[in-house]
Amino acid sequence: MVISTCMLVLLTILNFNKANGEKTELRFHTLVPLQSQNNRVLSSDSIIPAAIMAVDDINNSPDYLPDYNVAIKFADTQCDASEGTWQLIKSILATSDDNATKIIAFL
């Protein structure tokens, strides 16, 4: 619920209409600790399904951002500051589509 609410607030701020009728892609690059350095699985198991459900709810509802397609990608920070920084840099530099708007989130 919190993730869904946060995404809706962010997307509402970005909500502006496109004149050409084409959907704009909003990509969430989400940095989340999935495993630590000693291979201990962390408690982020519920974060990813909740975020995916929120994105599905937004994309399937005609009331929320009808001019946008929301996508989400996860990167493992491994609970390490240097790995998190590297994943952040990779997320910023990954430019496969100039028409997409990227939002980087830390969970």
C-alpha atoms as a PDB file:
ATOM      1  CA  MET A   1       0.000   0.000   0.000  1.00  0.00           C
ATOM      2  CA  VAL A   2       2.791   2.429   0.893  1.00  0.00           C
ATOM      3  CA  ILE A   3       4.700   1.683  -2.311  1.00  0.00           C
ATOM      4  CA  SER A   4       1.544   2.051  -4.396  1.00  0.00           C
ATOM      5  CA  THR A   5       0.723   5.363  -2.714  1.00  0.00           C
ATOM      6  CA  CYS A   6       4.279   6.671  -3.199  1.00  0.00           C
ATOM      7  CA  MET A   7       4.222   5.711  -6.878  1.00  0.00           C
ATOM      8  CA  LEU A   8       0.856   7.378  -7.395  1.00  0.00           C
ATOM      9  CA  VAL A   9       2.079  10.582  -5.750  1.00  0.00           C
ATOM     10  CA  LEU A  10       5.200  10.634  -7.943  1.00  0.00           C
ATOM     11  CA  LEU A  11       3.268   9.848 -11.075  1.00  0.00           C
ATOM     12  CA  THR A  12       0.596  12.433 -10.317  1.00  0.00           C
ATOM     13  CA  ILE A  13       3.335  15.066 -10.083  1.00  0.00           C
ATOM     14  CA  LEU A  14       4.585  13.967 -13.515  1.00  0.00           C
ATOM     15  CA  ASN A  15       1.117  13.744 -15.035  1.00  0.00           C
ATOM     16  CA  PHE A  16       0.985  16.019 -18.052  1.00  0.00           C
ATOM     17  CA  ASN A  17      -0.795  15.255 -21.306  1.00  0.00           C
ATOM     18  CA  LYS A  18       0.993  14.400 -24.518  1.00  0.00           C
ATOM     19  CA  ALA A  19      -0.387  16.078 -27.601  1.00  0.00           C
ATOM     20  CA  ASN A  20       0.361  13.231 -30.020  1.00  0.00           C
ATOM     21  CA  GLY A  21      -1.685  10.604 -28.141  1.00  0.00           C
ATOM     22  CA  GLU A  22       1.311   8.281 -27.773  1.00  0.00           C
ATOM     23  CA  LYS A  23       1.957   6.767 -24.349  1.00  0.00           C
ATOM     24  CA  THR A  24       5.071   7.920 -22.512  1.00  0.00           C
ATOM     25  CA  GLU A  25       7.032   5.262 -20.699  1.00  0.00           C
ATOM     26  CA  LEU A  26       7.929   5.916 -17.070  1.00  0.00           C
ATOM     27  CA  ARG A  27      10.661   3.595 -15.849  1.00  0.00           C
ATOM     28  CA  PHE A  28      11.313   3.019 -12.183  1.00  0.00           C
ATOM     29  CA  HIS A  29      14.859   1.800 -11.613  1.00  0.00           C
ATOM     30  CA  THR A  30      14.586   0.482  -8.080  1.00  0.00           C
ATOM     31  CA  LEU A  31      17.673  -0.175  -5.989  1.00  0.00           C
ATOM     32  CA  VAL A  32      16.892  -2.767  -3.335  1.00  0.00           C
ATOM     33  CA  PRO A  33      19.053  -5.057  -1.168  1.00  0.00           C
ATOM     34  CA  LEU A  34      18.255  -8.621  -2.199  1.00  0.00           C
ATOM     35  CA  GLN A  35      21.286 -10.410  -0.771  1.00  0.00           C
ATOM     36  CA  SER A  36      24.128  -9.292   1.461  1.00  0.00           C
ATOM     37  CA  GLN A  37      27.836  -9.922   0.895  1.00  0.00           C
ATOM     38  CA  ASN A  38      27.693 -13.157   2.912  1.00  0.00           C
ATOM     39  CA  ASN A  39      24.807 -14.466   0.718  1.00  0.00           C
ATOM     40  CA  ARG A  40      22.239 -13.966   3.465  1.00  0.00           C
ATOM     41  CA  VAL A  41      18.830 -13.400   1.915  1.00  0.00           C
ATOM     42  CA  LEU A  42      17.303 -10.184   3.183  1.00  0.00           C
ATOM     43  CA  SER A  43      13.694  -9.395   3.996  1.00  0.00           C
ATOM     44  CA  SER A  44      12.945  -7.647   0.708  1.00  0.00           C
ATOM     45  CA  ASP A  45      10.858 -10.602  -0.483  1.00  0.00           C
ATOM     46  CA  SER A  46       7.633  -8.666   0.010  1.00  0.00           C
ATOM     47  CA  ILE A  47       8.881  -5.417  -1.541  1.00  0.00           C
ATOM     48  CA  ILE A  48       9.252  -6.664  -5.106  1.00  0.00           C
ATOM     49  CA  PRO A  49       5.811  -8.335  -5.409  1.00  0.00           C
ATOM     50  CA  ALA A  50       4.167  -5.248  -3.860  1.00  0.00           C
ATOM     51  CA  ALA A  51       5.917  -2.918  -6.302  1.00  0.00           C
ATOM     52  CA  ILE A  52       4.991  -5.137  -9.267  1.00  0.00           C
ATOM     53  CA  MET A  53       1.355  -5.201  -8.096  1.00  0.00           C
ATOM     54  CA  ALA A  54       1.367  -1.399  -7.807  1.00  0.00           C
ATOM     55  CA  VAL A  55       2.723  -1.014 -11.347  1.00  0.00           C
ATOM     56  CA  ASP A  56       0.147  -3.488 -12.676  1.00  0.00           C
ATOM     57  CA  ASP A  57      -2.656  -1.608 -10.896  1.00  0.00           C
ATOM     58  CA  ILE A  58      -1.510   1.702 -12.386  1.00  0.00           C
ATOM     59  CA  ASN A  59      -1.115   0.304 -15.913  1.00  0.00           C
ATOM     60  CA  ASN A  60      -4.468  -1.533 -15.858  1.00  0.00           C
ATOM     61  CA  SER A  61      -6.540   1.348 -14.535  1.00  0.00           C
ATOM     62  CA  PRO A  62      -7.979   3.864 -17.004  1.00  0.00           C
ATOM     63  CA  ASP A  63      -8.191   6.402 -14.158  1.00  0.00           C
ATOM     64  CA  TYR A  64      -4.474   6.535 -13.338  1.00  0.00           C
ATOM     65  CA  LEU A  65      -2.160   8.051 -15.906  1.00  0.00           C
ATOM     66  CA  PRO A  66      -3.928   7.026 -19.101  1.00  0.00           C
ATOM     67  CA  ASP A  67      -1.129   8.598 -21.193  1.00  0.00           C
ATOM     68  CA  TYR A  68       1.658   6.620 -19.503  1.00  0.00           C
ATOM     69  CA  ASN A  69       3.010   3.102 -19.387  1.00  0.00           C
ATOM     70  CA  VAL A  70       4.837   2.384 -16.125  1.00  0.00           C
ATOM     71  CA  ALA A  71       7.702  -0.123 -15.993  1.00  0.00           C
ATOM     72  CA  ILE A  72       9.862  -1.194 -13.079  1.00  0.00           C
ATOM     73  CA  LYS A  73      13.325  -2.721 -12.935  1.00  0.00           C
ATOM     74  CA  PHE A  74      15.127  -3.937  -9.816  1.00  0.00           C
ATOM     75  CA  ALA A  75      18.845  -3.836  -9.094  1.00  0.00           C
ATOM     76  CA  ASP A  76      20.475  -5.618  -6.157  1.00  0.00           C
ATOM     77  CA  THR A  77      22.584  -3.341  -3.957  1.00  0.00           C
ATOM     78  CA  GLN A  78      23.694  -6.357  -1.887  1.00  0.00           C
ATOM     79  CA  CYS A  79      23.355  -4.201   1.233  1.00  0.00           C
ATOM     80  CA  ASP A  80      26.686  -2.592   0.304  1.00  0.00           C
ATOM     81  CA  ALA A  81      27.293   1.134  -0.271  1.00  0.00           C
ATOM     82  CA  SER A  82      29.793   0.660  -3.104  1.00  0.00           C
ATOM     83  CA  GLU A  83      27.541  -1.835  -4.919  1.00  0.00           C
ATOM     84  CA  GLY A  84      24.570   0.490  -4.418  1.00  0.00           C
ATOM     85  CA  THR A  85      26.555   3.373  -5.898  1.00  0.00           C
ATOM     86  CA  TRP A  86      27.580   1.228  -8.873  1.00  0.00           C
ATOM     87  CA  GLN A  87      23.966   0.155  -9.469  1.00  0.00           C
ATOM     88  CA  LEU A  88      22.886   3.822  -9.283  1.00  0.00           C
ATOM     89  CA  ILE A  89      25.471   4.814 -11.901  1.00  0.00           C
ATOM     90  CA  LYS A  90      24.414   1.940 -14.164  1.00  0.00           C
ATOM     91  CA  SER A  91      20.763   3.002 -13.822  1.00  0.00           C
ATOM     92  CA  ILE A  92      21.567   6.596 -14.731  1.00  0.00           C
ATOM     93  CA  LEU A  93      23.727   5.670 -17.713  1.00  0.00           C
ATOM     94  CA  ALA A  94      21.329   3.083 -19.151  1.00  0.00           C
ATOM     95  CA  THR A  95      19.692   5.115 -21.905  1.00  0.00           C
ATOM     96  CA  SER A  96      18.002   2.782 -24.349  1.00  0.00           C
ATOM     97  CA  ASP A  97      15.073   5.055 -25.190  1.00  0.00           C
ATOM     98  CA  ASP A  98      15.092   8.853 -25.301  1.00  0.00           C
ATOM     99  CA  ASN A  99      11.291   8.976 -24.991  1.00  0.00           C
ATOM    100  CA  ALA A 100      11.271   7.335 -21.537  1.00  0.00           C
ATOM    101  CA  THR A 101      11.263   9.171 -18.229  1.00  0.00           C
ATOM    102  CA  LYS A 102      13.308   7.459 -15.526  1.00  0.00           C
ATOM    103  CA  ILE A 103      12.704   7.621 -11.791  1.00  0.00           C
ATOM    104  CA  ILE A 104      15.304   6.042  -9.527  1.00  0.00           C
ATOM    105  CA  ALA A 105      14.015   4.731  -6.193  1.00  0.00           C
ATOM    106  CA  PHE A 106      15.866   3.354  -3.189  1.00  0.00           C
ATOM    107  CA  LEU A 107      14.036   0.782  -1.068  1.00  0.00           C
END
